[in-house]
PDB file of N, CA and C in Angstrom:
ATOM      1  N   ALA A   1      12.279  16.019 164.100  1.00  0.00           N
ATOM      2  CA  ALA A   1      13.433  16.813 163.919  1.00  0.00           C
ATOM      3  C   ALA A   1      14.629  16.108 163.280  1.00  0.00           C
ATOM      4  N   MET A   2      15.321  16.510 162.871  1.00  0.00           N
ATOM      5  CA  MET A   2      16.877  16.186 161.969  1.00  0.00           C
ATOM      6  C   MET A   2      17.558  15.883 162.827  1.00  0.00           C
ATOM      7  N   THR A   3      18.439  14.690 161.988  1.00  0.00           N
ATOM      8  CA  THR A   3      19.194  13.928 162.775  1.00  0.00           C
ATOM      9  C   THR A   3      20.526  14.300 161.484  1.00  0.00           C
ATOM     10  N   PRO A   4      21.738  15.101 162.288  1.00  0.00           N
ATOM     11  CA  PRO A   4      22.563  15.257 161.774  1.00  0.00           C
ATOM     12  C   PRO A   4      23.430  14.066 160.741  1.00  0.00           C
ATOM     13  N   TYR A   5      23.819  14.366 159.325  1.00  0.00           N
ATOM     14  CA  TYR A   5      24.647  13.551 158.923  1.00  0.00           C
ATOM     15  C   TYR A   5      25.939  14.004 158.998  1.00  0.00           C
ATOM     16  N   PRO A   6      26.986  12.997 159.254  1.00  0.00           N
ATOM     17  CA  PRO A   6      28.489  13.384 159.037  1.00  0.00           C
ATOM     18  C   PRO A   6      28.769  13.258 158.003  1.00  0.00           C
ATOM     19  N   LEU A   7      29.905  14.232 157.410  1.00  0.00           N
ATOM     20  CA  LEU A   7      30.336  13.945 156.041  1.00  0.00           C
ATOM     21  C   LEU A   7      31.576  13.762 156.217  1.00  0.00           C
ATOM     22  N   HIS A   8      32.395  13.031 155.202  1.00  0.00           N
ATOM     23  CA  HIS A   8      33.663  12.727 155.145  1.00  0.00           C
ATOM     24  C   HIS A   8      34.106  12.985 153.941  1.00  0.00           C
ATOM     25  N   LEU A   9      34.828  14.018 153.733  1.00  0.00           N
ATOM     26  CA  LEU A   9      35.748  13.869 152.422  1.00  0.00           C
ATOM     27  C   LEU A   9      36.629  13.365 152.025  1.00  0.00           C
ATOM     28  N   GLN A  10      36.594  12.662 150.834  1.00  0.00           N
ATOM     29  CA  GLN A  10      37.938  11.934 151.065  1.00  0.00           C
ATOM     30  C   GLN A  10      38.701  12.380 149.437  1.00  0.00           C
ATOM     31  N   TYR A  11      38.318  13.695 148.952  1.00  0.00           N
ATOM     32  CA  TYR A  11      39.214  14.175 147.918  1.00  0.00           C
ATOM     33  C   TYR A  11      38.635  15.541 147.896  1.00  0.00           C
ATOM     34  N   LEU A  12      39.762  16.639 148.233  1.00  0.00           N
ATOM     35  CA  LEU A  12      39.695  17.922 148.377  1.00  0.00           C
ATOM     36  C   LEU A  12      39.825  18.664 146.886  1.00  0.00           C
ATOM     37  N   THR A  13      39.206  19.393 146.580  1.00  0.00           N
ATOM     38  CA  THR A  13      39.438  20.225 145.339  1.00  0.00           C
ATOM     39  C   THR A  13      39.217  21.362 145.379  1.00  0.00           C
ATOM     40  N   GLY A  14      39.498  22.488 144.796  1.00  0.00           N
ATOM     41  CA  GLY A  14      39.273  23.907 144.681  1.00  0.00           C
ATOM     42  C   GLY A  14      40.932  24.367 143.862  1.00  0.00           C
ATOM     43  N   ILE A  15      40.787  26.219 144.733  1.00  0.00           N
ATOM     44  CA  ILE A  15      41.232  26.601 143.815  1.00  0.00           C
ATOM     45  C   ILE A  15      42.828  27.066 144.627  1.00  0.00           C
ATOM     46  N   GLU A  16      43.952  27.116 144.882  1.00  0.00           N
ATOM     47  CA  GLU A  16      44.517  27.596 145.938  1.00  0.00           C
ATOM     48  C   GLU A  16      45.411  28.867 145.233  1.00  0.00           C
ATOM     49  N   GLY A  17      45.668  29.115 146.031  1.00  0.00           N
ATOM     50  CA  GLY A  17      46.296  30.581 145.606  1.00  0.00           C
ATOM     51  C   GLY A  17      48.147  30.683 145.359  1.00  0.00           C
ATOM     52  N   ASN A  18      48.920  29.632 146.095  1.00  0.00           N
ATOM     53  CA  ASN A  18      49.840  29.638 146.141  1.00  0.00           C
ATOM     54  C   ASN A  18      50.418  27.828 145.786  1.00  0.00           C
ATOM     55  N   ASP A  19      50.291  27.932 144.102  1.00  0.00           N
ATOM     56  CA  ASP A  19      50.208  26.486 143.667  1.00  0.00           C
ATOM     57  C   ASP A  19      51.663  26.476 143.013  1.00  0.00           C
ATOM     58  N   ASN A  20      51.563  25.425 142.389  1.00  0.00           N
ATOM     59  CA  ASN A  20      53.048  25.080 140.793  1.00  0.00           C
ATOM     60  C   ASN A  20      53.032  25.590 139.873  1.00  0.00           C
ATOM     61  N   PHE A  21      51.763  26.235 139.607  1.00  0.00           N
ATOM     62  CA  PHE A  21      51.695  26.754 138.480  1.00  0.00           C
ATOM     63  C   PHE A  21      52.102  28.136 137.916  1.00  0.00           C
ATOM     64  N   GLY A  22      52.794  28.764 139.249  1.00  0.00           N
ATOM     65  CA  GLY A  22      52.862  30.536 138.659  1.00  0.00           C
ATOM     66  C   GLY A  22      51.836  31.075 139.519  1.00  0.00           C
ATOM     67  N   SER A  23      51.898  32.576 138.905  1.00  0.00           N
ATOM     68  CA  SER A  23      50.897  33.157 139.436  1.00  0.00           C
ATOM     69  C   SER A  23      50.711  34.265 137.977  1.00  0.00           C
ATOM     70  N   VAL A  24      49.480  34.835 137.688  1.00  0.00           N
ATOM     71  CA  VAL A  24      49.042  36.024 136.853  1.00  0.00           C
ATOM     72  C   VAL A  24      48.419  36.866 137.403  1.00  0.00           C
ATOM     73  N   PHE A  25      48.774  38.184 137.163  1.00  0.00           N
ATOM     74  CA  PHE A  25      48.338  39.360 137.554  1.00  0.00           C
ATOM     75  C   PHE A  25      47.690  40.080 136.730  1.00  0.00           C
ATOM     76  N   VAL A  26      46.664  40.981 136.549  1.00  0.00           N
ATOM     77  CA  VAL A  26      45.933  41.740 136.157  1.00  0.00           C
ATOM     78  C   VAL A  26      45.871  42.982 136.988  1.00  0.00           C
ATOM     79  N   TYR A  27      45.825  44.042 136.245  1.00  0.00           N
ATOM     80  CA  TYR A  27      45.972  44.806 136.902  1.00  0.00           C
ATOM     81  C   TYR A  27      46.162  46.439 135.931  1.00  0.00           C
ATOM     82  N   PRO A  28      45.382  47.548 136.157  1.00  0.00           N
ATOM     83  CA  PRO A  28      44.670  47.392 137.141  1.00  0.00           C
ATOM     84  C   PRO A  28      42.958  47.220 137.242  1.00  0.00           C
ATOM     85  N   ASN A  29      42.335  46.591 138.193  1.00  0.00           N
ATOM     86  CA  ASN A  29      41.406  46.688 137.738  1.00  0.00           C
ATOM     87  C   ASN A  29      40.478  46.653 139.278  1.00  0.00           C
ATOM     88  N   PRO A  30      39.233  47.342 138.965  1.00  0.00           N
ATOM     89  CA  PRO A  30      38.850  48.088 138.067  1.00  0.00           C
ATOM     90  C   PRO A  30      39.506  48.827 136.763  1.00  0.00           C
ATOM     91  N   VAL A  31      39.437  48.522 134.953  1.00  0.00           N
ATOM     92  CA  VAL A  31      40.303  49.108 134.101  1.00  0.00           C
ATOM     93  C   VAL A  31      39.757  50.290 133.761  1.00  0.00           C
ATOM     94  N   THR A  32      40.394  50.977 133.162  1.00  0.00           N
ATOM     95  CA  THR A  32      39.723  52.086 132.461  1.00  0.00           C
ATOM     96  C   THR A  32      40.038  52.246 130.804  1.00  0.00           C
ATOM     97  N   ASN A  33      41.517  52.569 130.726  1.00  0.00           N
ATOM     98  CA  ASN A  33      42.069  52.486 129.233  1.00  0.00           C
ATOM     99  C   ASN A  33      43.018  51.403 128.752  1.00  0.00           C
ATOM    100  N   GLU A  34      43.959  51.023 129.715  1.00  0.00           N
ATOM    101  CA  GLU A  34      44.690  49.831 129.299  1.00  0.00           C
ATOM    102  C   GLU A  34      45.176  48.727 130.469  1.00  0.00           C
ATOM    103  N   LEU A  35      44.998  47.996 130.047  1.00  0.00           N
ATOM    104  CA  LEU A  35      45.432  46.426 131.355  1.00  0.00           C
ATOM    105  C   LEU A  35      46.446  46.178 130.798  1.00  0.00           C
ATOM    106  N   GLN A  36      47.118  45.516 132.337  1.00  0.00           N
ATOM    107  CA  GLN A  36      47.852  45.022 131.959  1.00  0.00           C
ATOM    108  C   GLN A  36      48.051  43.214 132.579  1.00  0.00           C
ATOM    109  N   ILE A  37      48.707  42.676 131.929  1.00  0.00           N
ATOM    110  CA  ILE A  37      48.668  41.116 132.468  1.00  0.00           C
ATOM    111  C   ILE A  37      50.220  40.748 132.182  1.00  0.00           C
ATOM    112  N   ARG A  38      50.684  40.180 133.448  1.00  0.00           N
ATOM    113  CA  ARG A  38      51.767  40.068 133.585  1.00  0.00           C
ATOM    114  C   ARG A  38      51.733  38.358 134.103  1.00  0.00           C
ATOM    115  N   SER A  39      53.075  37.498 134.456  1.00  0.00           N
ATOM    116  CA  SER A  39      52.749  36.247 134.758  1.00  0.00           C
ATOM    117  C   SER A  39      54.461  36.181 135.106  1.00  0.00           C
ATOM    118  N   ASP A  40      54.394  34.609 135.620  1.00  0.00           N
ATOM    119  CA  ASP A  40      55.613  34.278 136.373  1.00  0.00           C
ATOM    120  C   ASP A  40      55.889  33.176 134.925  1.00  0.00           C
ATOM    121  N   ASN A  41      55.254  33.284 134.293  1.00  0.00           N
ATOM    122  CA  ASN A  41      55.224  31.826 133.413  1.00  0.00           C
ATOM    123  C   ASN A  41      54.892  32.690 131.617  1.00  0.00           C
ATOM    124  N   LYS A  42      55.439  32.387 130.965  1.00  0.00           N
ATOM    125  CA  LYS A  42      55.606  32.987 129.128  1.00  0.00           C
ATOM    126  C   LYS A  42      53.679  32.965 129.346  1.00  0.00           C
ATOM    127  N   ILE A  43      53.182  33.576 128.732  1.00  0.00           N
ATOM    128  CA  ILE A  43      51.730  33.691 128.383  1.00  0.00           C
ATOM    129  C   ILE A  43      51.468  33.455 127.065  1.00  0.00           C
ATOM    130  N   LEU A  44      50.787  32.843 126.620  1.00  0.00           N
ATOM    131  CA  LEU A  44      50.872  32.091 125.393  1.00  0.00           C
ATOM    132  C   LEU A  44      49.354  33.023 124.340  1.00  0.00           C
ATOM    133  N   SER A  45      48.521  32.968 125.006  1.00  0.00           N
ATOM    134  CA  SER A  45      46.920  33.389 124.639  1.00  0.00           C
ATOM    135  C   SER A  45      46.878  34.098 125.492  1.00  0.00           C
ATOM    136  N   VAL A  46      45.567  35.066 124.991  1.00  0.00           N
ATOM    137  CA  VAL A  46      44.615  35.697 125.849  1.00  0.00           C
ATOM    138  C   VAL A  46      43.243  35.907 125.343  1.00  0.00           C
ATOM    139  N   THR A  47      42.140  35.674 125.890  1.00  0.00           N
ATOM    140  CA  THR A  47      40.693  35.432 125.389  1.00  0.00           C
ATOM    141  C   THR A  47      40.022  36.231 126.080  1.00  0.00           C
ATOM    142  N   LEU A  48      39.362  37.488 125.741  1.00  0.00           N
ATOM    143  CA  LEU A  48      38.613  38.408 126.439  1.00  0.00           C
ATOM    144  C   LEU A  48      37.456  38.109 125.897  1.00  0.00           C
ATOM    145  N   SER A  49      35.856  37.916 127.094  1.00  0.00           N
ATOM    146  CA  SER A  49      34.940  37.667 126.757  1.00  0.00           C
ATOM    147  C   SER A  49      33.713  38.203 127.698  1.00  0.00           C
ATOM    148  N   GLY A  50      33.013  38.197 127.006  1.00  0.00           N
ATOM    149  CA  GLY A  50      31.819  39.520 127.955  1.00  0.00           C
ATOM    150  C   GLY A  50      31.271  38.343 129.034  1.00  0.00           C
ATOM    151  N   ALA A  51      30.412  38.943 130.194  1.00  0.00           N
ATOM    152  CA  ALA A  51      29.799  38.095 130.836  1.00  0.00           C
ATOM    153  C   ALA A  51      29.140  36.749 130.364  1.00  0.00           C
ATOM    154  N   SER A  52      28.439  37.515 129.342  1.00  0.00           N
ATOM    155  CA  SER A  52      27.457  35.906 128.999  1.00  0.00           C
ATOM    156  C   SER A  52      28.152  34.811 128.090  1.00  0.00           C
ATOM    157  N   GLY A  53      29.932  35.159 128.135  1.00  0.00           N
ATOM    158  CA  GLY A  53      30.393  33.918 127.142  1.00  0.00           C
ATOM    159  C   GLY A  53      30.914  34.432 125.580  1.00  0.00           C
ATOM    160  N   ASN A  54      30.342  35.616 125.493  1.00  0.00           N
ATOM    161  CA  ASN A  54      30.310  36.207 123.771  1.00  0.00           C
ATOM    162  C   ASN A  54      31.859  36.511 123.761  1.00  0.00           C
ATOM    163  N   CYS A  55      32.790  36.129 122.747  1.00  0.00           N
ATOM    164  CA  CYS A  55      34.136  36.088 122.667  1.00  0.00           C
ATOM    165  C   CYS A  55      34.156  37.325 122.014  1.00  0.00           C
ATOM    166  N   ILE A  56      35.086  38.529 122.596  1.00  0.00           N
ATOM    167  CA  ILE A  56      35.230  39.555 121.804  1.00  0.00           C
ATOM    168  C   ILE A  56      36.198  39.938 121.345  1.00  0.00           C
ATOM    169  N   GLN A  57      37.851  39.269 121.657  1.00  0.00           N
ATOM    170  CA  GLN A  57      39.032  39.220 121.305  1.00  0.00           C
ATOM    171  C   GLN A  57      39.856  38.299 121.569  1.00  0.00           C
ATOM    172  N   ILE A  58      40.683  37.727 120.701  1.00  0.00           N
ATOM    173  CA  ILE A  58      41.489  36.516 121.302  1.00  0.00           C
ATOM    174  C   ILE A  58      42.937  37.385 120.695  1.00  0.00           C
ATOM    175  N   LEU A  59      43.663  37.293 121.304  1.00  0.00           N
ATOM    176  CA  LEU A  59      44.913  37.452 121.204  1.00  0.00           C
ATOM    177  C   LEU A  59      45.867  36.337 121.466  1.00  0.00           C
ATOM    178  N   SER A  60      46.768  35.615 120.505  1.00  0.00           N
ATOM    179  CA  SER A  60      47.344  34.731 120.302  1.00  0.00           C
ATOM    180  C   SER A  60      49.029  34.729 119.846  1.00  0.00           C
ATOM    181  N   ASN A  61      49.594  33.672 120.091  1.00  0.00           N
ATOM    182  CA  ASN A  61      51.600  33.902 119.601  1.00  0.00           C
ATOM    183  C   ASN A  61      51.849  34.833 120.405  1.00  0.00           C
ATOM    184  N   ILE A  62      52.036  35.009 121.887  1.00  0.00           N
ATOM    185  CA  ILE A  62      52.226  35.916 122.505  1.00  0.00           C
ATOM    186  C   ILE A  62      53.767  35.872 122.741  1.00  0.00           C
ATOM    187  N   SER A  63      53.690  34.569 123.864  1.00  0.00           N
ATOM    188  CA  SER A  63      55.098  34.621 123.889  1.00  0.00           C
ATOM    189  C   SER A  63      55.977  35.391 125.044  1.00  0.00           C
ATOM    190  N   GLY A  64      54.954  35.829 125.568  1.00  0.00           N
ATOM    191  CA  GLY A  64      55.723  37.277 126.777  1.00  0.00           C
ATOM    192  C   GLY A  64      55.476  36.777 128.056  1.00  0.00           C
ATOM    193  N   TYR A  65      56.174  37.526 129.495  1.00  0.00           N
ATOM    194  CA  TYR A  65      55.860  37.345 130.502  1.00  0.00           C
ATOM    195  C   TYR A  65      54.749  38.626 131.036  1.00  0.00           C
ATOM    196  N   THR A  66      54.959  39.513 130.221  1.00  0.00           N
ATOM    197  CA  THR A  66      53.828  40.832 130.092  1.00  0.00           C
ATOM    198  C   THR A  66      52.895  41.043 128.983  1.00  0.00           C
ATOM    199  N   LEU A  67      51.808  41.877 128.854  1.00  0.00           N
ATOM    200  CA  LEU A  67      51.038  41.922 127.991  1.00  0.00           C
ATOM    201  C   LEU A  67      50.404  43.343 128.240  1.00  0.00           C
ATOM    202  N   MET A  68      50.185  44.520 127.223  1.00  0.00           N
ATOM    203  CA  MET A  68      49.114  45.281 127.287  1.00  0.00           C
ATOM    204  C   MET A  68      48.170  45.334 126.503  1.00  0.00           C
ATOM    205  N   ILE A  69      46.574  45.777 127.047  1.00  0.00           N
ATOM    206  CA  ILE A  69      45.867  45.616 126.097  1.00  0.00           C
ATOM    207  C   ILE A  69      44.686  46.545 126.354  1.00  0.00           C
ATOM    208  N   ASN A  70      44.494  47.482 125.493  1.00  0.00           N
ATOM    209  CA  ASN A  70      43.953  48.782 125.174  1.00  0.00           C
ATOM    210  C   ASN A  70      42.425  48.031 125.511  1.00  0.00           C
ATOM    211  N   THR A  71      42.109  49.085 126.224  1.00  0.00           N
ATOM    212  CA  THR A  71      40.495  49.053 126.672  1.00  0.00           C
ATOM    213  C   THR A  71      39.370  49.719 126.753  1.00  0.00           C
ATOM    214  N   ARG A  72      39.818  50.651 125.711  1.00  0.00           N
ATOM    215  CA  ARG A  72      39.076  52.328 125.812  1.00  0.00           C
ATOM    216  C   ARG A  72      38.021  51.833 125.105  1.00  0.00           C
ATOM    217  N   ASN A  73      37.757  50.751 124.047  1.00  0.00           N
ATOM    218  CA  ASN A  73      36.501  51.015 123.552  1.00  0.00           C
ATOM    219  C   ASN A  73      35.672  49.709 124.178  1.00  0.00           C
ATOM    220  N   LEU A  74      35.846  48.936 125.278  1.00  0.00           N
ATOM    221  CA  LEU A  74      35.201  48.455 125.962  1.00  0.00           C
ATOM    222  C   LEU A  74      34.043  49.121 126.638  1.00  0.00           C
ATOM    223  N   VAL A  75      33.165  48.427 126.731  1.00  0.00           N
ATOM    224  CA  VAL A  75      31.892  49.227 127.692  1.00  0.00           C
ATOM    225  C   VAL A  75      31.660  48.677 128.584  1.00  0.00           C
ATOM    226  N   SER A  76      31.714  49.742 129.403  1.00  0.00           N
ATOM    227  CA  SER A  76      31.730  49.411 130.907  1.00  0.00           C
ATOM    228  C   SER A  76      30.376  48.181 131.482  1.00  0.00           C
ATOM    229  N   GLY A  77      31.523  47.466 132.248  1.00  0.00           N
ATOM    230  CA  GLY A  77      30.794  45.800 132.737  1.00  0.00           C
ATOM    231  C   GLY A  77      31.467  45.138 133.305  1.00  0.00           C
ATOM    232  N   ILE A  78      31.441  43.800 133.156  1.00  0.00           N
ATOM    233  CA  ILE A  78      32.075  42.869 133.660  1.00  0.00           C
ATOM    234  C   ILE A  78      32.595  41.686 132.699  1.00  0.00           C
ATOM    235  N   TYR A  79      33.811  41.689 132.185  1.00  0.00           N
ATOM    236  CA  TYR A  79      33.938  40.666 131.309  1.00  0.00           C
ATOM    237  C   TYR A  79      35.200  39.615 132.137  1.00  0.00           C
ATOM    238  N   ILE A  80      35.423  38.515 131.325  1.00  0.00           N
ATOM    239  CA  ILE A  80      36.074  37.213 131.607  1.00  0.00           C
ATOM    240  C   ILE A  80      37.612  37.469 130.799  1.00  0.00           C
ATOM    241  N   LEU A  81      38.919  37.253 131.515  1.00  0.00           N
ATOM    242  CA  LEU A  81      39.879  36.762 130.749  1.00  0.00           C
ATOM    243  C   LEU A  81      40.541  35.421 130.894  1.00  0.00           C
ATOM    244  N   LYS A  82      40.700  34.716 129.868  1.00  0.00           N
ATOM    245  CA  LYS A  82      41.091  33.627 129.746  1.00  0.00           C
ATOM    246  C   LYS A  82      42.620  33.181 129.433  1.00  0.00           C
ATOM    247  N   ILE A  83      43.769  33.039 130.426  1.00  0.00           N
ATOM    248  CA  ILE A  83      44.899  33.578 129.970  1.00  0.00           C
ATOM    249  C   ILE A  83      45.651  31.910 130.247  1.00  0.00           C
ATOM    250  N   GLU A  84      45.956  31.707 128.915  1.00  0.00           N
ATOM    251  CA  GLU A  84      46.747  30.800 128.801  1.00  0.00           C
ATOM    252  C   GLU A  84      48.216  31.159 128.711  1.00  0.00           C
ATOM    253  N   THR A  85      49.101  30.089 129.753  1.00  0.00           N
ATOM    254  CA  THR A  85      50.347  30.295 129.830  1.00  0.00           C
ATOM    255  C   THR A  85      51.592  29.084 129.815  1.00  0.00           C
ATOM    256  N   SER A  86      52.501  28.886 129.544  1.00  0.00           N
ATOM    257  CA  SER A  86      53.334  27.643 129.399  1.00  0.00           C
ATOM    258  C   SER A  86      53.009  26.574 130.525  1.00  0.00           C
ATOM    259  N   ARG A  87      52.267  27.013 132.131  1.00  0.00           N
ATOM    260  CA  ARG A  87      51.924  26.148 132.643  1.00  0.00           C
ATOM    261  C   ARG A  87      50.739  25.786 133.230  1.00  0.00           C
ATOM    262  N   GLY A  88      49.375  26.720 132.590  1.00  0.00           N
ATOM    263  CA  GLY A  88      48.440  26.158 132.626  1.00  0.00           C
ATOM    264  C   GLY A  88      47.639  27.267 132.237  1.00  0.00           C
ATOM    265  N   THR A  89      46.127  27.260 132.451  1.00  0.00           N
ATOM    266  CA  THR A  89      45.277  28.190 131.878  1.00  0.00           C
ATOM    267  C   THR A  89      44.542  29.066 133.367  1.00  0.00           C
ATOM    268  N   PHE A  90      44.337  30.477 133.295  1.00  0.00           N
ATOM    269  CA  PHE A  90      43.936  31.151 134.473  1.00  0.00           C
ATOM    270  C   PHE A  90      42.854  31.606 133.574  1.00  0.00           C
ATOM    271  N   ILE A  91      41.849  31.632 134.552  1.00  0.00           N
ATOM    272  CA  ILE A  91      40.637  32.722 134.121  1.00  0.00           C
ATOM    273  C   ILE A  91      40.652  34.061 135.156  1.00  0.00           C
ATOM    274  N   ARG A  92      40.443  35.023 134.854  1.00  0.00           N
ATOM    275  CA  ARG A  92      40.352  36.364 135.986  1.00  0.00           C
ATOM    276  C   ARG A  92      38.775  37.375 135.255  1.00  0.00           C
ATOM    277  N   LYS A  93      38.391  37.688 136.478  1.00  0.00           N
ATOM    278  CA  LYS A  93      37.243  38.427 136.394  1.00  0.00           C
ATOM    279  C   LYS A  93      37.805  39.890 136.194  1.00  0.00           C
ATOM    280  N   LEU A  94      37.647  40.631 135.142  1.00  0.00           N
ATOM    281  CA  LEU A  94      37.792  41.689 134.719  1.00  0.00           C
ATOM    282  C   LEU A  94      36.492  42.856 134.774  1.00  0.00           C
ATOM    283  N   ILE A  95      36.863  44.104 135.599  1.00  0.00           N
ATOM    284  CA  ILE A  95      35.954  45.259 135.376  1.00  0.00           C
ATOM    285  C   ILE A  95      36.157  46.144 134.656  1.00  0.00           C
ATOM    286  N   LYS A  96      35.364  46.693 134.122  1.00  0.00           N
ATOM    287  CA  LYS A  96      35.804  48.054 133.059  1.00  0.00           C
ATOM    288  C   LYS A  96      35.102  48.989 133.513  1.00  0.00           C
ATOM    289  N   SER A  97      35.490  50.175 133.938  1.00  0.00           N
ATOM    290  CA  SER A  97      34.795  51.407 134.542  1.00  0.00           C
ATOM    291  C   SER A  97      35.176  52.663 133.498  1.00  0.00           C
ATOM    292  N   THR A  98      34.243  53.380 133.959  1.00  0.00           N
ATOM    293  CA  THR A  98      34.160  54.681 132.971  1.00  0.00           C
ATOM    294  C   THR A  98      35.447  55.909 133.358  1.00  0.00           C
ATOM    295  N   SER A  99      35.539  55.593 134.655  1.00  0.00           N
ATOM    296  CA  SER A  99      36.371  56.977 134.964  1.00  0.00           C
ATOM    297  C   SER A  99      37.449  55.975 136.395  1.00  0.00           C
TER     298      SER A  99
END
């Protein structure tokens, strides 16, 4: 028989939804033709990568709170968005659908 081993957490880690870095909204998700990114803080750059990590598109020197990205030429599948803002970096999963 196994004896339970008590765990004591000294430091908490994780991602909290309501933090001091603001929020980033990506919609619609799943996307078909056009993606909008909206942030509480200035968006500095956005990197779009495939699920395997291959870089597809880099948008830099944005300096705005919203950004529209044309997604018509993307193949259906799962993508990763790395959104760098003036208050931190956010990672979001993006799903591209055909309809």
